[in-house]
Amino acid sequence: MKSIALAAALTLAATTAFAGNVSEPIVEAPIEAAVDGSSASSTGSSGGAILPILLLVAVGAVIAAND
């Protein structure tokens, strides 16, 4: 029974001894995404508004054709 208690005490002491590290932490440089300005200028100022407007016009045309 004494050996189990001694083993438990040594185990607890060993885990706290290795909990920290005295060496400097390794810090990696953050990854920066490349910014390409050509894709933003090619869509124009309206951006993604052209497709929804065309869909609304198409739905309106279908509704007008059914009347």
PDB file of N, CA and C in Angstrom:
ATOM      1  N   MET A   1       0.828  -1.188   0.000  1.00  0.00           N
ATOM      2  CA  MET A   1       0.000   0.000   0.000  1.00  0.00           C
ATOM      3  C   MET A   1       0.876   1.257   0.000  1.00  0.00           C
ATOM      4  N   LYS A   2       2.000   1.192   0.726  1.00  0.00           N
ATOM      5  CA  LYS A   2       2.897   2.335   0.761  1.00  0.00           C
ATOM      6  C   LYS A   2       3.523   2.579  -0.603  1.00  0.00           C
ATOM      7  N   SER A   3       3.781   1.517  -1.348  1.00  0.00           N
ATOM      8  CA  SER A   3       4.404   1.683  -2.655  1.00  0.00           C
ATOM      9  C   SER A   3       3.440   2.333  -3.658  1.00  0.00           C
ATOM     10  N   ILE A   4       2.142   2.036  -3.502  1.00  0.00           N
ATOM     11  CA  ILE A   4       1.153   2.661  -4.382  1.00  0.00           C
ATOM     12  C   ILE A   4       1.055   4.149  -4.087  1.00  0.00           C
ATOM     13  N   ALA A   5       1.070   4.509  -2.815  1.00  0.00           N
ATOM     14  CA  ALA A   5       1.012   5.920  -2.441  1.00  0.00           C
ATOM     15  C   ALA A   5       2.275   6.648  -2.898  1.00  0.00           C
ATOM     16  N   LEU A   6       3.426   5.992  -2.764  1.00  0.00           N
ATOM     17  CA  LEU A   6       4.675   6.594  -3.213  1.00  0.00           C
ATOM     18  C   LEU A   6       4.685   6.761  -4.735  1.00  0.00           C
ATOM     19  N   ALA A   7       4.172   5.783  -5.451  1.00  0.00           N
ATOM     20  CA  ALA A   7       4.105   5.866  -6.909  1.00  0.00           C
ATOM     21  C   ALA A   7       3.161   6.983  -7.341  1.00  0.00           C
ATOM     22  N   ALA A   8       2.029   7.136  -6.651  1.00  0.00           N
ATOM     23  CA  ALA A   8       1.087   8.206  -6.974  1.00  0.00           C
ATOM     24  C   ALA A   8       1.699   9.569  -6.702  1.00  0.00           C
ATOM     25  N   ALA A   9       2.427   9.696  -5.606  1.00  0.00           N
ATOM     26  CA  ALA A   9       3.058  10.973  -5.269  1.00  0.00           C
ATOM     27  C   ALA A   9       4.142  11.321  -6.275  1.00  0.00           C
ATOM     28  N   LEU A  10       4.944  10.347  -6.682  1.00  0.00           N
ATOM     29  CA  LEU A  10       5.987  10.601  -7.674  1.00  0.00           C
ATOM     30  C   LEU A  10       5.383  10.923  -9.049  1.00  0.00           C
ATOM     31  N   THR A  11       4.271  10.291  -9.374  1.00  0.00           N
ATOM     32  CA  THR A  11       3.608  10.575 -10.642  1.00  0.00           C
ATOM     33  C   THR A  11       3.094  12.003 -10.673  1.00  0.00           C
ATOM     34  N   LEU A  12       2.471  12.439  -9.589  1.00  0.00           N
ATOM     35  CA  LEU A  12       1.977  13.813  -9.517  1.00  0.00           C
ATOM     36  C   LEU A  12       3.117  14.820  -9.561  1.00  0.00           C
ATOM     37  N   ALA A  13       4.214  14.503  -8.907  1.00  0.00           N
ATOM     38  CA  ALA A  13       5.357  15.403  -8.922  1.00  0.00           C
ATOM     39  C   ALA A  13       5.987  15.474 -10.307  1.00  0.00           C
ATOM     40  N   ALA A  14       6.004  14.376 -11.021  1.00  0.00           N
ATOM     41  CA  ALA A  14       6.602  14.352 -12.352  1.00  0.00           C
ATOM     42  C   ALA A  14       5.744  15.111 -13.357  1.00  0.00           C
ATOM     43  N   THR A  15       4.417  15.024 -13.222  1.00  0.00           N
ATOM     44  CA  THR A  15       3.565  15.717 -14.186  1.00  0.00           C
ATOM     45  C   THR A  15       3.642  17.226 -14.000  1.00  0.00           C
ATOM     46  N   THR A  16       3.758  17.701 -12.784  1.00  0.00           N
ATOM     47  CA  THR A  16       3.869  19.141 -12.587  1.00  0.00           C
ATOM     48  C   THR A  16       5.259  19.642 -12.972  1.00  0.00           C
ATOM     49  N   ALA A  17       6.259  18.777 -12.874  1.00  0.00           N
ATOM     50  CA  ALA A  17       7.606  19.192 -13.238  1.00  0.00           C
ATOM     51  C   ALA A  17       7.731  19.388 -14.750  1.00  0.00           C
ATOM     52  N   PHE A  18       7.007  18.599 -15.529  1.00  0.00           N
ATOM     53  CA  PHE A  18       7.080  18.697 -16.977  1.00  0.00           C
ATOM     54  C   PHE A  18       5.934  19.507 -17.573  1.00  0.00           C
ATOM     55  N   ALA A  19       5.175  20.208 -16.755  1.00  0.00           N
ATOM     56  CA  ALA A  19       4.021  20.955 -17.265  1.00  0.00           C
ATOM     57  C   ALA A  19       4.457  22.153 -18.093  1.00  0.00           C
ATOM     58  N   GLY A  20       5.528  22.813 -17.710  1.00  0.00           N
ATOM     59  CA  GLY A  20       5.959  23.996 -18.438  1.00  0.00           C
ATOM     60  C   GLY A  20       7.274  23.749 -19.147  1.00  0.00           C
ATOM     61  N   ASN A  21       7.657  24.714 -19.966  1.00  0.00           N
ATOM     62  CA  ASN A  21       8.896  24.597 -20.696  1.00  0.00           C
ATOM     63  C   ASN A  21       9.617  25.937 -20.604  1.00  0.00           C
ATOM     64  N   VAL A  22      10.916  25.913 -20.415  1.00  0.00           N
ATOM     65  CA  VAL A  22      11.661  27.152 -20.253  1.00  0.00           C
ATOM     66  C   VAL A  22      12.161  27.709 -21.574  1.00  0.00           C
ATOM     67  N   SER A  23      12.016  26.950 -22.665  1.00  0.00           N
ATOM     68  CA  SER A  23      12.485  27.452 -23.955  1.00  0.00           C
ATOM     69  C   SER A  23      11.493  28.467 -24.516  1.00  0.00           C
ATOM     70  N   GLU A  24      11.990  29.293 -25.432  1.00  0.00           N
ATOM     71  CA  GLU A  24      11.155  30.308 -26.049  1.00  0.00           C
ATOM     72  C   GLU A  24      10.114  29.648 -26.955  1.00  0.00           C
ATOM     73  N   PRO A  25       8.907  30.170 -26.958  1.00  0.00           N
ATOM     74  CA  PRO A  25       7.893  29.584 -27.834  1.00  0.00           C
ATOM     75  C   PRO A  25       8.198  29.882 -29.305  1.00  0.00           C
ATOM     76  N   ILE A  26       7.827  28.958 -30.159  1.00  0.00           N
ATOM     77  CA  ILE A  26       8.044  29.137 -31.589  1.00  0.00           C
ATOM     78  C   ILE A  26       6.843  29.880 -32.164  1.00  0.00           C
ATOM     79  N   VAL A  27       7.098  31.071 -32.673  1.00  0.00           N
ATOM     80  CA  VAL A  27       6.030  31.882 -33.246  1.00  0.00           C
ATOM     81  C   VAL A  27       6.259  31.967 -34.747  1.00  0.00           C
ATOM     82  N   GLU A  28       5.266  31.512 -35.512  1.00  0.00           N
ATOM     83  CA  GLU A  28       5.385  31.554 -36.957  1.00  0.00           C
ATOM     84  C   GLU A  28       4.754  32.829 -37.485  1.00  0.00           C
ATOM     85  N   ALA A  29       5.241  33.282 -38.604  1.00  0.00           N
ATOM     86  CA  ALA A  29       4.693  34.485 -39.224  1.00  0.00           C
ATOM     87  C   ALA A  29       3.292  34.187 -39.748  1.00  0.00           C
ATOM     88  N   PRO A  30       2.371  35.134 -39.600  1.00  0.00           N
ATOM     89  CA  PRO A  30       1.012  34.899 -40.103  1.00  0.00           C
ATOM     90  C   PRO A  30       0.998  34.829 -41.630  1.00  0.00           C
ATOM     91  N   ILE A  31       0.111  34.011 -42.149  1.00  0.00           N
ATOM     92  CA  ILE A  31      -0.003  33.846 -43.592  1.00  0.00           C
ATOM     93  C   ILE A  31      -0.902  34.948 -44.133  1.00  0.00           C
ATOM     94  N   GLU A  32      -0.384  35.696 -45.098  1.00  0.00           N
ATOM     95  CA  GLU A  32      -1.156  36.770 -45.697  1.00  0.00           C
ATOM     96  C   GLU A  32      -1.579  36.351 -47.096  1.00  0.00           C
ATOM     97  N   ALA A  33      -2.853  36.552 -47.386  1.00  0.00           N
ATOM     98  CA  ALA A  33      -3.368  36.200 -48.698  1.00  0.00           C
ATOM     99  C   ALA A  33      -2.959  37.268 -49.708  1.00  0.00           C
ATOM    100  N   ALA A  34      -2.639  36.837 -50.899  1.00  0.00           N
ATOM    101  CA  ALA A  34      -2.270  37.773 -51.954  1.00  0.00           C
ATOM    102  C   ALA A  34      -3.518  38.490 -52.443  1.00  0.00           C
ATOM    103  N   VAL A  35      -3.446  39.797 -52.537  1.00  0.00           N
ATOM    104  CA  VAL A  35      -4.585  40.591 -52.986  1.00  0.00           C
ATOM    105  C   VAL A  35      -4.397  40.878 -54.464  1.00  0.00           C
ATOM    106  N   ASP A  36      -5.377  40.460 -55.240  1.00  0.00           N
ATOM    107  CA  ASP A  36      -5.334  40.680 -56.682  1.00  0.00           C
ATOM    108  C   ASP A  36      -6.442  41.659 -57.038  1.00  0.00           C
ATOM    109  N   GLY A  37      -6.090  42.840 -57.441  1.00  0.00           N
ATOM    110  CA  GLY A  37      -7.070  43.883 -57.718  1.00  0.00           C
ATOM    111  C   GLY A  37      -7.772  43.717 -59.042  1.00  0.00           C
ATOM    112  N   SER A  38      -7.299  42.817 -59.905  1.00  0.00           N
ATOM    113  CA  SER A  38      -7.916  42.686 -61.224  1.00  0.00           C
ATOM    114  C   SER A  38      -9.302  42.064 -61.152  1.00  0.00           C
ATOM    115  N   SER A  39      -9.558  41.167 -60.190  1.00  0.00           N
ATOM    116  CA  SER A  39     -10.862  40.524 -60.130  1.00  0.00           C
ATOM    117  C   SER A  39     -11.935  41.492 -59.637  1.00  0.00           C
ATOM    118  N   ALA A  40     -11.597  42.405 -58.749  1.00  0.00           N
ATOM    119  CA  ALA A  40     -12.592  43.341 -58.247  1.00  0.00           C
ATOM    120  C   ALA A  40     -12.952  44.374 -59.299  1.00  0.00           C
ATOM    121  N   SER A  41     -11.994  44.796 -60.105  1.00  0.00           N
ATOM    122  CA  SER A  41     -12.274  45.813 -61.104  1.00  0.00           C
ATOM    123  C   SER A  41     -12.969  45.228 -62.327  1.00  0.00           C
ATOM    124  N   SER A  42     -12.854  43.925 -62.558  1.00  0.00           N
ATOM    125  CA  SER A  42     -13.469  43.337 -63.741  1.00  0.00           C
ATOM    126  C   SER A  42     -14.976  43.184 -63.589  1.00  0.00           C
ATOM    127  N   THR A  43     -15.478  43.115 -62.342  1.00  0.00           N
ATOM    128  CA  THR A  43     -16.919  42.960 -62.153  1.00  0.00           C
ATOM    129  C   THR A  43     -17.642  44.289 -62.206  1.00  0.00           C
ATOM    130  N   GLY A  44     -16.944  45.367 -62.103  1.00  0.00           N
ATOM    131  CA  GLY A  44     -17.583  46.676 -62.147  1.00  0.00           C
ATOM    132  C   GLY A  44     -18.069  47.098 -60.776  1.00  0.00           C
ATOM    133  N   SER A  45     -18.717  48.238 -60.730  1.00  0.00           N
ATOM    134  CA  SER A  45     -19.168  48.747 -59.441  1.00  0.00           C
ATOM    135  C   SER A  45     -20.421  48.037 -58.960  1.00  0.00           C
ATOM    136  N   SER A  46     -21.182  47.419 -59.865  1.00  0.00           N
ATOM    137  CA  SER A  46     -22.412  46.746 -59.464  1.00  0.00           C
ATOM    138  C   SER A  46     -22.130  45.407 -58.791  1.00  0.00           C
ATOM    139  N   GLY A  47     -20.969  44.855 -59.029  1.00  0.00           N
ATOM    140  CA  GLY A  47     -20.566  43.620 -58.367  1.00  0.00           C
ATOM    141  C   GLY A  47     -21.462  42.461 -58.742  1.00  0.00           C
ATOM    142  N   GLY A  48     -22.086  41.836 -57.750  1.00  0.00           N
ATOM    143  CA  GLY A  48     -22.941  40.685 -57.993  1.00  0.00           C
ATOM    144  C   GLY A  48     -24.398  41.043 -58.130  1.00  0.00           C
ATOM    145  N   ALA A  49     -24.736  42.279 -58.435  1.00  0.00           N
ATOM    146  CA  ALA A  49     -26.138  42.694 -58.529  1.00  0.00           C
ATOM    147  C   ALA A  49     -26.734  42.419 -59.894  1.00  0.00           C
ATOM    148  N   ILE A  50     -25.923  42.122 -60.888  1.00  0.00           N
ATOM    149  CA  ILE A  50     -26.442  41.936 -62.246  1.00  0.00           C
ATOM    150  C   ILE A  50     -27.279  40.665 -62.350  1.00  0.00           C
ATOM    151  N   LEU A  51     -26.814  39.578 -61.797  1.00  0.00           N
ATOM    152  CA  LEU A  51     -27.536  38.313 -61.888  1.00  0.00           C
ATOM    153  C   LEU A  51     -28.901  38.369 -61.202  1.00  0.00           C
ATOM    154  N   PRO A  52     -29.030  38.870 -59.972  1.00  0.00           N
ATOM    155  CA  PRO A  52     -30.374  38.955 -59.378  1.00  0.00           C
ATOM    156  C   PRO A  52     -31.316  39.865 -60.163  1.00  0.00           C
ATOM    157  N   ILE A  53     -30.794  40.946 -60.733  1.00  0.00           N
ATOM    158  CA  ILE A  53     -31.650  41.835 -61.528  1.00  0.00           C
ATOM    159  C   ILE A  53     -32.129  41.112 -62.783  1.00  0.00           C
ATOM    160  N   LEU A  54     -31.250  40.354 -63.433  1.00  0.00           N
ATOM    161  CA  LEU A  54     -31.667  39.594 -64.608  1.00  0.00           C
ATOM    162  C   LEU A  54     -32.692  38.517 -64.250  1.00  0.00           C
ATOM    163  N   LEU A  55     -32.533  37.893 -63.102  1.00  0.00           N
ATOM    164  CA  LEU A  55     -33.518  36.897 -62.666  1.00  0.00           C
ATOM    165  C   LEU A  55     -34.875  37.536 -62.398  1.00  0.00           C
ATOM    166  N   LEU A  56     -34.878  38.722 -61.785  1.00  0.00           N
ATOM    167  CA  LEU A  56     -36.145  39.415 -61.547  1.00  0.00           C
ATOM    168  C   LEU A  56     -36.820  39.791 -62.861  1.00  0.00           C
ATOM    169  N   VAL A  57     -36.043  40.230 -63.833  1.00  0.00           N
ATOM    170  CA  VAL A  57     -36.607  40.572 -65.144  1.00  0.00           C
ATOM    171  C   VAL A  57     -37.183  39.330 -65.812  1.00  0.00           C
ATOM    172  N   ALA A  58     -36.478  38.197 -65.708  1.00  0.00           N
ATOM    173  CA  ALA A  58     -36.969  36.961 -66.312  1.00  0.00           C
ATOM    174  C   ALA A  58     -38.245  36.484 -65.646  1.00  0.00           C
ATOM    175  N   VAL A  59     -38.314  36.561 -64.316  1.00  0.00           N
ATOM    176  CA  VAL A  59     -39.528  36.157 -63.602  1.00  0.00           C
ATOM    177  C   VAL A  59     -40.679  37.101 -63.963  1.00  0.00           C
ATOM    178  N   GLY A  60     -40.389  38.371 -64.060  1.00  0.00           N
ATOM    179  CA  GLY A  60     -41.430  39.325 -64.463  1.00  0.00           C
ATOM    180  C   GLY A  60     -41.938  39.046 -65.866  1.00  0.00           C
ATOM    181  N   ALA A  61     -41.047  38.657 -66.760  1.00  0.00           N
ATOM    182  CA  ALA A  61     -41.467  38.342 -68.126  1.00  0.00           C
ATOM    183  C   ALA A  61     -42.336  37.107 -68.178  1.00  0.00           C
ATOM    184  N   VAL A  62     -41.995  36.110 -67.350  1.00  0.00           N
ATOM    185  CA  VAL A  62     -42.804  34.876 -67.304  1.00  0.00           C
ATOM    186  C   VAL A  62     -44.179  35.187 -66.733  1.00  0.00           C
ATOM    187  N   ILE A  63     -44.240  35.994 -65.686  1.00  0.00           N
ATOM    188  CA  ILE A  63     -45.539  36.360 -65.089  1.00  0.00           C
ATOM    189  C   ILE A  63     -46.364  37.172 -66.076  1.00  0.00           C
ATOM    190  N   ALA A  64     -45.756  38.084 -66.802  1.00  0.00           N
ATOM    191  CA  ALA A  64     -46.489  38.892 -67.778  1.00  0.00           C
ATOM    192  C   ALA A  64     -46.977  38.045 -68.948  1.00  0.00           C
ATOM    193  N   ALA A  65     -46.224  37.009 -69.316  1.00  0.00           N
ATOM    194  CA  ALA A  65     -46.637  36.142 -70.425  1.00  0.00           C
ATOM    195  C   ALA A  65     -47.812  35.259 -70.047  1.00  0.00           C
ATOM    196  N   ASN A  66     -47.952  34.944 -68.746  1.00  0.00           N
ATOM    197  CA  ASN A  66     -49.040  34.082 -68.300  1.00  0.00           C
ATOM    198  C   ASN A  66     -50.372  34.819 -68.242  1.00  0.00           C
ATOM    199  N   ASP A  67     -50.373  36.149 -68.160  1.00  0.00           N
ATOM    200  CA  ASP A  67     -51.631  36.902 -68.065  1.00  0.00           C
ATOM    201  C   ASP A  67     -52.308  37.034 -69.339  1.00  0.00           C
TER     202      ASP A  67
END
